[in-house]
C-alpha cells in the first residue's frame, strides 16, 4: 500500500482516488491479513474490489494489487 501511495502521489493523486482494485494472492491464507492492511489505508466507501488466488506472482511476491483511479 505504501508503494501504491507513492506512485499515486507522483501523479498528484491519493488513495481516495482509487475506484476499483483487483488483489491477487498466491495463498488465500493471507486474505485476512490483506484485509487488515487494506482497511488501515482505505476508508468507506471502499473501492470496488475483486480478490483472486493465483498460482504465482512476479519476483516471488505474495500479493499484487491492480487499481483503477479517477481524477
N, C-alpha and C. Protein backbone atom coordinates (compact mmCIF):
# COMPACT_ATOMS: atom_id res chain seq x y z
N UNK A 1 0.82 -1.18 0.00
CA UNK A 1 0.00 0.00 0.00
C UNK A 1 0.87 1.25 0.00
N UNK A 2 2.01 1.16 0.66
CA UNK A 2 2.92 2.32 0.65
C UNK A 2 3.44 2.60 -0.75
N UNK A 3 3.76 1.54 -1.49
CA UNK A 3 4.21 1.73 -2.87
C UNK A 3 3.11 2.37 -3.70
N UNK A 4 1.90 1.90 -3.52
CA UNK A 4 0.76 2.45 -4.26
C UNK A 4 0.55 3.92 -3.92
N UNK A 5 0.66 4.23 -2.63
CA UNK A 5 0.51 5.62 -2.19
C UNK A 5 1.59 6.51 -2.83
N UNK A 6 2.81 6.01 -2.90
CA UNK A 6 3.91 6.76 -3.51
C UNK A 6 3.66 6.99 -4.99
N UNK A 7 3.28 5.94 -5.70
CA UNK A 7 3.03 6.06 -7.14
C UNK A 7 1.89 7.03 -7.43
N UNK A 8 0.83 6.94 -6.66
CA UNK A 8 -0.29 7.87 -6.85
C UNK A 8 0.14 9.30 -6.55
N UNK A 9 0.94 9.47 -5.50
CA UNK A 9 1.43 10.79 -5.14
C UNK A 9 2.23 11.44 -6.25
N UNK A 10 2.98 10.65 -7.00
CA UNK A 10 3.75 11.17 -8.13
C UNK A 10 2.84 11.72 -9.22
N UNK A 11 1.59 11.28 -9.23
CA UNK A 11 0.61 11.76 -10.20
C UNK A 11 -0.30 12.84 -9.62
N UNK A 12 -0.01 13.24 -8.39
CA UNK A 12 -0.84 14.23 -7.72
C UNK A 12 -2.15 13.64 -7.22
N UNK A 13 -2.18 12.33 -7.02
CA UNK A 13 -3.38 11.64 -6.56
C UNK A 13 -3.12 10.98 -5.23
N UNK A 14 -4.18 10.50 -4.61
CA UNK A 14 -4.06 9.78 -3.34
C UNK A 14 -4.90 8.53 -3.35
N UNK A 15 -4.87 7.81 -2.25
CA UNK A 15 -5.64 6.57 -2.15
C UNK A 15 -7.14 6.81 -2.31
N UNK A 16 -7.60 7.99 -1.99
CA UNK A 16 -9.03 8.30 -2.14
C UNK A 16 -9.46 8.36 -3.61
N UNK A 17 -8.50 8.42 -4.53
CA UNK A 17 -8.81 8.43 -5.96
C UNK A 17 -9.02 7.03 -6.53
N UNK A 18 -8.78 6.00 -5.74
CA UNK A 18 -8.94 4.63 -6.22
C UNK A 18 -10.41 4.30 -6.36
N UNK A 19 -10.80 3.85 -7.54
CA UNK A 19 -12.18 3.47 -7.81
C UNK A 19 -12.39 1.96 -7.72
N UNK A 20 -11.38 1.20 -8.11
CA UNK A 20 -11.51 -0.26 -8.18
C UNK A 20 -10.15 -0.90 -7.96
N UNK A 21 -10.13 -2.03 -7.25
CA UNK A 21 -8.89 -2.79 -7.08
C UNK A 21 -9.14 -4.27 -7.40
N UNK A 22 -8.10 -4.89 -7.89
CA UNK A 22 -8.06 -6.34 -8.00
C UNK A 22 -6.84 -6.78 -7.21
N UNK A 23 -7.07 -7.64 -6.25
CA UNK A 23 -5.98 -8.12 -5.41
C UNK A 23 -5.70 -9.57 -5.78
N UNK A 24 -4.45 -9.85 -6.10
CA UNK A 24 -4.02 -11.19 -6.46
C UNK A 24 -3.21 -11.75 -5.28
N UNK A 25 -3.61 -12.90 -4.78
CA UNK A 25 -2.94 -13.56 -3.67
C UNK A 25 -2.42 -14.92 -4.13
N UNK A 26 -1.22 -15.28 -3.70
CA UNK A 26 -0.74 -16.61 -4.02
C UNK A 26 -1.29 -17.65 -3.04
N UNK A 27 -1.83 -17.19 -1.90
CA UNK A 27 -2.41 -18.10 -0.91
C UNK A 27 -3.52 -17.37 -0.16
N UNK A 28 -4.72 -17.95 -0.19
CA UNK A 28 -5.85 -17.31 0.48
C UNK A 28 -5.69 -17.27 1.99
N UNK A 29 -4.70 -17.95 2.52
CA UNK A 29 -4.44 -17.86 3.95
C UNK A 29 -4.07 -16.42 4.35
N UNK A 30 -3.59 -15.64 3.38
CA UNK A 30 -3.21 -14.25 3.63
C UNK A 30 -4.39 -13.27 3.51
N UNK A 31 -5.57 -13.76 3.18
CA UNK A 31 -6.73 -12.90 2.92
C UNK A 31 -7.04 -11.97 4.09
N UNK A 32 -7.10 -12.50 5.30
CA UNK A 32 -7.44 -11.65 6.45
C UNK A 32 -6.36 -10.61 6.75
N UNK A 33 -5.11 -10.97 6.59
CA UNK A 33 -4.01 -10.01 6.81
C UNK A 33 -4.09 -8.90 5.77
N UNK A 34 -4.36 -9.25 4.53
CA UNK A 34 -4.50 -8.24 3.47
C UNK A 34 -5.69 -7.33 3.78
N UNK A 35 -6.80 -7.90 4.23
CA UNK A 35 -7.96 -7.09 4.59
C UNK A 35 -7.63 -6.07 5.68
N UNK A 36 -6.84 -6.49 6.66
CA UNK A 36 -6.48 -5.59 7.76
C UNK A 36 -5.64 -4.42 7.24
N UNK A 37 -4.67 -4.70 6.39
CA UNK A 37 -3.83 -3.64 5.83
C UNK A 37 -4.67 -2.74 4.93
N UNK A 38 -5.50 -3.33 4.11
CA UNK A 38 -6.39 -2.60 3.20
C UNK A 38 -7.25 -1.61 3.99
N UNK A 39 -7.85 -2.08 5.09
CA UNK A 39 -8.74 -1.25 5.90
C UNK A 39 -7.98 -0.13 6.62
N UNK A 40 -6.69 -0.32 6.91
CA UNK A 40 -5.91 0.74 7.54
C UNK A 40 -5.63 1.89 6.56
N UNK A 41 -5.59 1.59 5.28
CA UNK A 41 -5.22 2.60 4.28
C UNK A 41 -6.39 3.16 3.49
N UNK A 42 -7.43 2.38 3.31
CA UNK A 42 -8.60 2.82 2.54
C UNK A 42 -9.81 2.86 3.45
N UNK A 43 -10.69 3.80 3.19
CA UNK A 43 -11.82 4.01 4.09
C UNK A 43 -13.14 3.97 3.32
N UNK A 44 -14.22 3.77 4.06
CA UNK A 44 -15.54 3.72 3.44
C UNK A 44 -15.86 5.05 2.78
N UNK A 45 -16.52 5.04 1.66
CA UNK A 45 -16.91 3.84 0.92
C UNK A 45 -15.69 3.24 0.22
N UNK A 46 -15.45 1.97 0.46
CA UNK A 46 -14.29 1.30 -0.12
C UNK A 46 -14.44 1.19 -1.64
N UNK A 47 -13.32 1.19 -2.34
CA UNK A 47 -13.38 0.96 -3.79
C UNK A 47 -13.97 -0.42 -4.07
N UNK A 48 -14.54 -0.59 -5.22
CA UNK A 48 -14.99 -1.91 -5.65
C UNK A 48 -13.76 -2.81 -5.66
N UNK A 49 -13.92 -4.06 -5.20
CA UNK A 49 -12.75 -4.92 -5.09
C UNK A 49 -13.06 -6.35 -5.52
N UNK A 50 -12.09 -6.93 -6.19
CA UNK A 50 -12.10 -8.35 -6.51
C UNK A 50 -10.81 -8.93 -5.96
N UNK A 51 -10.90 -10.09 -5.32
CA UNK A 51 -9.71 -10.77 -4.82
C UNK A 51 -9.68 -12.17 -5.42
N UNK A 52 -8.54 -12.54 -5.98
CA UNK A 52 -8.40 -13.86 -6.59
C UNK A 52 -7.09 -14.50 -6.15
N UNK A 53 -7.11 -15.83 -6.10
CA UNK A 53 -5.89 -16.57 -5.81
C UNK A 53 -5.26 -16.98 -7.13
N UNK A 54 -3.94 -16.81 -7.21
CA UNK A 54 -3.19 -17.16 -8.42
C UNK A 54 -2.07 -18.13 -8.05
N UNK A 55 -1.57 -18.83 -9.04
CA UNK A 55 -0.50 -19.81 -8.81
C UNK A 55 0.81 -19.15 -8.41
N UNK A 56 1.12 -18.01 -9.01
CA UNK A 56 2.39 -17.34 -8.72
C UNK A 56 2.31 -15.89 -9.18
N UNK A 57 3.19 -15.08 -8.60
CA UNK A 57 3.32 -13.67 -8.98
C UNK A 57 4.78 -13.38 -9.29
N UNK A 58 5.06 -12.32 -10.05
CA UNK A 58 6.44 -11.99 -10.40
C UNK A 58 7.32 -11.76 -9.16
N UNK A 59 8.56 -12.11 -9.28
CA UNK A 59 9.59 -11.89 -8.25
C UNK A 59 9.25 -12.55 -6.92
N UNK A 60 8.41 -13.58 -6.94
CA UNK A 60 8.08 -14.28 -5.70
C UNK A 60 7.14 -13.53 -4.78
N UNK A 61 6.51 -12.47 -5.28
CA UNK A 61 5.58 -11.69 -4.45
C UNK A 61 4.42 -12.56 -4.01
N UNK A 62 3.86 -12.24 -2.84
CA UNK A 62 2.70 -12.96 -2.33
C UNK A 62 1.41 -12.22 -2.64
N UNK A 63 1.52 -10.89 -2.85
CA UNK A 63 0.34 -10.05 -3.10
C UNK A 63 0.66 -9.06 -4.21
N UNK A 64 -0.32 -8.87 -5.08
CA UNK A 64 -0.21 -7.82 -6.11
C UNK A 64 -1.56 -7.13 -6.16
N UNK A 65 -1.53 -5.81 -6.26
CA UNK A 65 -2.78 -5.03 -6.33
C UNK A 65 -2.80 -4.22 -7.62
N UNK A 66 -3.85 -4.40 -8.37
CA UNK A 66 -4.09 -3.64 -9.61
C UNK A 66 -5.18 -2.64 -9.30
N UNK A 67 -5.01 -1.40 -9.73
CA UNK A 67 -6.01 -0.37 -9.41
C UNK A 67 -6.48 0.39 -10.63
N UNK A 68 -7.67 0.93 -10.50
CA UNK A 68 -8.22 1.88 -11.46
C UNK A 68 -8.50 3.13 -10.65
N UNK A 69 -7.99 4.27 -11.12
CA UNK A 69 -8.18 5.52 -10.39
C UNK A 69 -9.01 6.51 -11.20
N UNK A 70 -9.63 7.41 -10.48
CA UNK A 70 -10.36 8.50 -11.10
C UNK A 70 -9.72 9.82 -10.70
N UNK A 71 -9.92 10.82 -11.51
CA UNK A 71 -9.28 12.11 -11.25
C UNK A 71 -10.22 13.05 -10.59
